[in-house]
Amino acid sequence: MFPDDIDSLAREVIRAATARGLKVATAESCTGGLVSGALTGVAGSSAVVDRGFVTYSNAAKADLLGVPGALIESHGAVSEPVARAMAEGAVARSAARVSVAVTGIAGPGGGSPDKPVGLVHFAAAGPAGLIHVERRFGDIGREGVRLASVRVALTLLLNRIAA
């Protein structure tokens, strides 16, 4: 279902989390559950994946993850503060100790000069702390942005598990 490199990354995440006895949660907006899908495609993932939150709307980010509405209003849904709050909310509202959050603009529309198509904010939380990464993939097509985002998200999960 996914390209080989994504399948391989997902297997690495599952192996690493299993070895450390860590549960994982995802909080996804522009990827719409693809990160969770990549993880749950791996045999044995049920021992590691606690849950995935697909929070495509601002209301879902607030209701399911506890992202403050004022934070979304002041920074926009596609921002570092919101990505961080999503990752923290995923841990707080699950049995997971590690999470990754993805929020961005996959396109083809919806971009602006400040926040162009292809802009994606990621955050990952774990016992070693919270990290943020911003990527500007450019207008590489909706599928391209989403798959590139899955790769980054899985890499960040691996980073937080190994830290």
Protein backbone atom coordinates (compact mmCIF):
# COMPACT_ATOMS: atom_id res chain seq x y z
CA MET A 1 0.00 0.00 0.00
CA PHE A 2 2.83 2.42 0.89
CA PRO A 3 6.16 2.83 -0.87
CA ASP A 4 8.89 0.49 0.40
CA ASP A 5 10.78 3.23 2.25
CA ILE A 6 7.68 4.14 4.28
CA ASP A 7 6.99 0.48 5.08
CA SER A 8 10.58 0.11 6.22
CA LEU A 9 10.40 3.19 8.46
CA ALA A 10 7.13 1.97 9.96
CA ARG A 11 8.70 -1.42 10.74
CA GLU A 12 11.64 0.35 12.42
CA VAL A 13 9.26 2.41 14.58
CA ILE A 14 7.33 -0.69 15.64
CA ARG A 15 10.54 -2.62 16.42
CA ALA A 16 12.04 0.26 18.41
CA ALA A 17 8.86 0.96 20.39
CA THR A 18 8.39 -2.75 21.12
CA ALA A 19 11.99 -3.06 22.33
CA ARG A 20 11.50 -0.11 24.70
CA GLY A 21 8.00 -1.03 25.79
CA LEU A 22 6.56 2.26 24.55
CA LYS A 23 3.07 2.95 23.23
CA VAL A 24 2.64 5.39 20.32
CA ALA A 25 -0.14 7.80 19.32
CA THR A 26 -0.54 9.97 16.25
CA ALA A 27 -2.28 13.32 15.80
CA GLU A 28 -2.83 14.00 12.12
CA SER A 29 -4.38 16.76 10.09
CA CYS A 30 -3.14 16.99 6.49
CA THR A 31 -2.08 13.33 6.44
CA GLY A 32 -5.58 12.20 7.43
CA GLY A 33 -4.48 9.01 9.19
CA LEU A 34 -1.72 7.93 6.80
CA VAL A 35 0.89 7.81 9.57
CA SER A 36 -1.36 5.53 11.64
CA GLY A 37 -2.09 3.52 8.52
CA ALA A 38 1.60 2.98 7.85
CA LEU A 39 2.19 1.88 11.44
CA THR A 40 -0.81 -0.44 11.68
CA GLY A 41 0.17 -2.06 8.40
CA VAL A 42 3.05 -3.69 10.29
CA ALA A 43 2.45 -7.05 11.93
CA GLY A 44 2.74 -6.69 15.69
CA SER A 45 1.75 -3.04 15.68
CA SER A 46 -1.15 -3.72 18.06
CA ALA A 47 1.38 -4.07 20.87
CA VAL A 48 2.64 -0.54 20.20
CA VAL A 49 0.02 1.68 18.57
CA ASP A 50 -2.45 2.95 21.14
CA ARG A 51 -4.50 5.26 18.94
CA GLY A 52 -4.53 7.75 16.11
CA PHE A 53 -6.35 11.06 16.14
CA VAL A 54 -7.43 12.42 12.76
CA THR A 55 -8.06 16.06 13.56
CA TYR A 56 -8.63 17.62 10.18
CA SER A 57 -10.81 20.48 11.43
CA ASN A 58 -9.92 23.10 14.01
CA ALA A 59 -12.86 21.91 16.12
CA ALA A 60 -11.44 18.37 16.13
CA LYS A 61 -8.03 19.65 17.22
CA ALA A 62 -9.71 21.40 20.14
CA ASP A 63 -12.23 18.67 21.04
CA LEU A 64 -10.03 15.58 20.68
CA LEU A 65 -6.58 16.91 21.55
CA GLY A 66 -7.34 19.89 23.77
CA VAL A 67 -5.64 22.42 21.49
CA PRO A 68 -6.82 25.81 22.76
CA GLY A 69 -9.02 27.63 20.26
CA ALA A 70 -7.17 30.87 21.05
CA LEU A 71 -3.90 29.22 20.00
CA ILE A 72 -5.39 28.23 16.65
CA GLU A 73 -6.87 31.71 16.18
CA SER A 74 -3.64 33.53 16.98
CA HIS A 75 -1.19 31.29 15.09
CA GLY A 76 -3.35 29.37 12.61
CA ALA A 77 -3.82 25.62 12.48
CA VAL A 78 -0.64 25.24 10.41
CA SER A 79 1.91 26.49 12.93
CA GLU A 80 4.57 25.36 15.36
CA PRO A 81 2.50 26.12 18.49
CA VAL A 82 -0.46 24.10 17.21
CA ALA A 83 1.73 21.16 16.15
CA ARG A 84 3.32 21.13 19.60
CA ALA A 85 -0.09 21.29 21.32
CA MET A 86 -1.34 18.44 19.12
CA ALA A 87 1.61 16.21 20.07
CA GLU A 88 1.19 17.00 23.76
CA GLY A 89 -2.56 16.43 23.54
CA ALA A 90 -2.08 13.03 21.91
CA VAL A 91 0.06 11.87 24.84
CA ALA A 92 -2.24 13.43 27.43
CA ARG A 93 -5.33 11.80 25.93
CA SER A 94 -3.96 8.30 25.34
CA ALA A 95 -1.94 5.54 26.95
CA ALA A 96 1.02 6.49 24.73
CA ARG A 97 4.28 7.96 25.97
CA VAL A 98 5.39 8.91 22.44
CA SER A 99 3.43 10.83 19.83
CA VAL A 100 3.79 12.63 16.55
CA ALA A 101 1.64 15.45 15.18
CA VAL A 102 1.31 16.66 11.61
CA THR A 103 -0.45 19.82 10.42
CA GLY A 104 0.06 21.40 7.03
CA ILE A 105 -1.19 22.48 3.64
CA ALA A 106 -1.18 19.60 1.17
CA GLY A 107 -2.84 21.57 -1.64
CA PRO A 108 -3.62 22.06 -4.36
CA GLY A 109 -5.32 25.14 -2.84
CA GLY A 110 -5.35 26.67 0.60
CA GLY A 111 -1.92 28.23 0.57
CA SER A 112 -0.94 31.86 1.05
CA PRO A 113 2.31 33.83 0.71
CA ASP A 114 3.02 33.27 4.43
CA LYS A 115 1.85 29.67 4.45
CA PRO A 116 2.33 28.18 0.99
CA VAL A 117 1.17 24.82 -0.29
CA GLY A 118 3.66 22.24 0.93
CA LEU A 119 4.25 23.87 4.34
CA VAL A 120 3.97 21.25 7.09
CA HIS A 121 4.66 21.53 10.82
CA PHE A 122 5.55 18.43 12.81
CA ALA A 123 5.97 17.87 16.52
CA ALA A 124 6.92 14.74 18.40
CA ALA A 125 6.68 14.14 22.12
CA GLY A 126 8.36 11.50 24.21
CA PRO A 127 10.13 10.89 27.50
CA ALA A 128 13.11 12.93 26.22
CA GLY A 129 10.92 15.95 25.47
CA LEU A 130 9.12 17.69 22.65
CA ILE A 131 10.67 18.55 19.28
CA HIS A 132 9.37 20.54 16.31
CA VAL A 133 10.30 20.41 12.64
CA GLU A 134 9.04 22.59 9.81
CA ARG A 135 9.25 21.44 6.20
CA ARG A 136 8.48 23.31 3.03
CA PHE A 137 8.05 20.58 0.45
CA GLY A 138 6.79 22.98 -2.21
CA ASP A 139 3.86 22.38 -4.50
CA ILE A 140 4.74 18.74 -5.28
CA GLY A 141 1.12 17.65 -5.49
CA ARG A 142 -1.26 16.63 -2.73
CA GLU A 143 -0.12 13.00 -2.65
CA GLY A 144 3.53 14.06 -2.72
CA VAL A 145 3.13 16.38 0.27
CA ARG A 146 1.20 13.77 2.23
CA LEU A 147 3.69 10.94 1.58
CA ALA A 148 6.67 13.20 2.30
CA SER A 149 4.95 14.13 5.56
CA VAL A 150 4.52 10.48 6.53
CA ARG A 151 8.25 9.94 6.03
CA VAL A 152 9.14 12.87 8.29
CA ALA A 153 6.56 11.87 10.92
CA LEU A 154 7.85 8.30 11.13
CA THR A 155 11.44 9.55 11.37
CA LEU A 156 10.47 11.86 14.23
CA LEU A 157 8.71 9.02 16.04
CA LEU A 158 11.87 6.94 15.72
CA ASN A 159 13.88 9.87 17.08
CA ARG A 160 11.66 10.23 20.18
CA ILE A 161 11.60 6.49 20.81
CA ALA A 162 15.38 6.24 20.59
CA ALA A 163 16.04 9.40 22.66
